[in-house]
C-alpha atoms as a PDB file:
ATOM      1  CA  MET A   1     -24.101 -25.578  69.791  1.00  0.00           C
ATOM      2  CA  PRO A   2     -23.763 -25.174  66.054  1.00  0.00           C
ATOM      3  CA  ASN A   3     -26.966 -25.150  64.029  1.00  0.00           C
ATOM      4  CA  SER A   4     -27.395 -25.084  60.254  1.00  0.00           C
ATOM      5  CA  PHE A   5     -30.570 -24.569  58.291  1.00  0.00           C
ATOM      6  CA  LEU A   6     -30.729 -25.495  54.628  1.00  0.00           C
ATOM      7  CA  ALA A   7     -33.633 -25.008  52.258  1.00  0.00           C
ATOM      8  CA  ASP A   8     -33.979 -27.639  49.549  1.00  0.00           C
ATOM      9  CA  THR A   9     -34.496 -25.580  46.416  1.00  0.00           C
ATOM     10  CA  ASN A  10     -34.671 -28.630  44.122  1.00  0.00           C
ATOM     11  CA  GLN A  11     -37.967 -29.965  45.494  1.00  0.00           C
ATOM     12  CA  SER A  12     -41.398 -28.690  44.571  1.00  0.00           C
ATOM     13  CA  ASN A  13     -42.471 -28.926  48.221  1.00  0.00           C
ATOM     14  CA  SER A  14     -40.216 -26.961  50.526  1.00  0.00           C
ATOM     15  CA  ALA A  15     -38.526 -28.797  53.359  1.00  0.00           C
ATOM     16  CA  PHE A  16     -35.962 -27.504  55.796  1.00  0.00           C
ATOM     17  CA  VAL A  17     -33.080 -29.472  57.241  1.00  0.00           C
ATOM     18  CA  ALA A  18     -31.646 -28.545  60.637  1.00  0.00           C
ATOM     19  CA  VAL A  19     -28.451 -30.070  62.012  1.00  0.00           C
ATOM     20  CA  LYS A  20     -27.659 -29.876  65.718  1.00  0.00           C
ATOM     21  CA  ALA A  21     -24.516 -31.220  67.377  1.00  0.00           C
ATOM     22  CA  SER A  22     -23.761 -31.824  71.042  1.00  0.00           C
ATOM     23  CA  LYS A  23     -20.398 -33.067  72.303  1.00  0.00           C
ATOM     24  CA  ASP A  24     -19.424 -35.098  75.349  1.00  0.00           C
ATOM     25  CA  PRO A  25     -16.001 -33.548  76.132  1.00  0.00           C
ATOM     26  CA  ILE A  26     -14.881 -36.509  78.245  1.00  0.00           C
ATOM     27  CA  PHE A  27     -15.209 -39.246  75.644  1.00  0.00           C
ATOM     28  CA  GLY A  28     -15.020 -37.199  72.425  1.00  0.00           C
ATOM     29  CA  LYS A  29     -18.394 -38.604  71.414  1.00  0.00           C
ATOM     30  CA  GLU A  30     -20.740 -36.299  69.585  1.00  0.00           C
ATOM     31  CA  SER A  31     -24.450 -36.691  68.981  1.00  0.00           C
ATOM     32  CA  ILE A  32     -25.698 -35.269  65.678  1.00  0.00           C
ATOM     33  CA  ARG A  33     -29.410 -34.766  65.050  1.00  0.00           C
ATOM     34  CA  ILE A  34     -30.729 -33.969  61.608  1.00  0.00           C
ATOM     35  CA  LEU A  35     -34.254 -32.597  61.499  1.00  0.00           C
ATOM     36  CA  VAL A  36     -36.305 -32.350  58.316  1.00  0.00           C
ATOM     37  CA  ILE A  37     -39.430 -30.164  58.451  1.00  0.00           C
ATOM     38  CA  GLY A  38     -41.937 -29.569  55.672  1.00  0.00           C
ATOM     39  CA  SER A  39     -44.964 -31.031  53.999  1.00  0.00           C
ATOM     40  CA  ARG A  40     -45.419 -34.802  54.347  1.00  0.00           C
ATOM     41  CA  ARG A  41     -44.473 -35.240  50.710  1.00  0.00           C
ATOM     42  CA  GLY A  42     -41.421 -32.949  51.022  1.00  0.00           C
ATOM     43  CA  VAL A  43     -40.059 -34.688  54.128  1.00  0.00           C
ATOM     44  CA  ILE A  44     -40.480 -38.144  52.597  1.00  0.00           C
ATOM     45  CA  SER A  45     -38.779 -36.917  49.420  1.00  0.00           C
ATOM     46  CA  ILE A  46     -35.747 -35.627  51.358  1.00  0.00           C
ATOM     47  CA  ILE A  47     -35.478 -38.899  53.326  1.00  0.00           C
ATOM     48  CA  HIS A  48     -35.545 -40.911  50.095  1.00  0.00           C
ATOM     49  CA  THR A  49     -33.028 -38.581  48.429  1.00  0.00           C
ATOM     50  CA  LEU A  50     -30.624 -38.993  51.369  1.00  0.00           C
ATOM     51  CA  HIS A  51     -31.144 -42.754  51.166  1.00  0.00           C
ATOM     52  CA  ASN A  52     -30.319 -42.727  47.430  1.00  0.00           C
ATOM     53  CA  LEU A  53     -27.142 -40.773  48.262  1.00  0.00           C
ATOM     54  CA  GLN A  54     -26.298 -43.552  50.797  1.00  0.00           C
ATOM     55  CA  PHE A  55     -26.405 -41.050  53.653  1.00  0.00           C
ATOM     56  CA  ALA A  56     -28.971 -42.863  55.802  1.00  0.00           C
ATOM     57  CA  GLU A  57     -31.358 -45.773  55.597  1.00  0.00           C
ATOM     58  CA  VAL A  58     -35.030 -44.839  55.461  1.00  0.00           C
ATOM     59  CA  GLY A  59     -35.689 -46.881  58.629  1.00  0.00           C
ATOM     60  CA  GLU A  60     -33.154 -44.863  60.645  1.00  0.00           C
ATOM     61  CA  TRP A  61     -35.410 -41.792  60.621  1.00  0.00           C
ATOM     62  CA  SER A  62     -38.106 -41.254  63.222  1.00  0.00           C
ATOM     63  CA  ARG A  63     -41.715 -41.698  62.188  1.00  0.00           C
ATOM     64  CA  LEU A  64     -43.295 -38.574  60.735  1.00  0.00           C
ATOM     65  CA  LEU A  65     -44.408 -36.270  63.523  1.00  0.00           C
ATOM     66  CA  PRO A  66     -46.765 -33.287  63.216  1.00  0.00           C
ATOM     67  CA  THR A  67     -45.434 -29.836  64.084  1.00  0.00           C
ATOM     68  CA  ALA A  68     -47.426 -26.969  65.563  1.00  0.00           C
ATOM     69  CA  ASN A  69     -48.112 -25.691  62.036  1.00  0.00           C
ATOM     70  CA  PRO A  70     -51.052 -27.218  60.142  1.00  0.00           C
ATOM     71  CA  GLY A  71     -49.984 -29.508  57.310  1.00  0.00           C
ATOM     72  CA  GLU A  72     -46.362 -29.548  58.440  1.00  0.00           C
ATOM     73  CA  MET A  73     -44.471 -32.710  59.458  1.00  0.00           C
ATOM     74  CA  MET A  74     -40.986 -33.493  60.717  1.00  0.00           C
ATOM     75  CA  SER A  75     -38.634 -36.450  61.034  1.00  0.00           C
ATOM     76  CA  ILE A  76     -35.368 -36.771  62.991  1.00  0.00           C
ATOM     77  CA  LEU A  77     -32.209 -38.779  62.343  1.00  0.00           C
ATOM     78  CA  THR A  78     -29.691 -39.172  65.190  1.00  0.00           C
ATOM     79  CA  ARG A  79     -26.079 -40.179  64.560  1.00  0.00           C
ATOM     80  CA  HIS A  80     -23.369 -40.757  67.162  1.00  0.00           C
ATOM     81  CA  ILE A  81     -19.817 -40.054  66.052  1.00  0.00           C
ATOM     82  CA  PHE A  82     -16.402 -39.820  67.667  1.00  0.00           C
ATOM     83  CA  VAL A  83     -14.398 -36.611  67.202  1.00  0.00           C
ATOM     84  CA  ASN A  84     -10.859 -35.638  68.153  1.00  0.00           C
END
């Protein structure tokens, strides 16, 4: 499954975005999960930036969840798309 990791170099708090895709070959439906990991402030900033770019509504993201690293949070957005 393809994975991409992008560092947001424009934010003062670093946050990483991971994109994971899985495809159902029978129906051509693909599930895309976008994961943002960073400080609480960094994750919220990325979510708001993506909202301002009309990529996703703030309420579509999961609640902030702690990671195994102290002071680090994450949030997940899942999209379902159809591909040929």
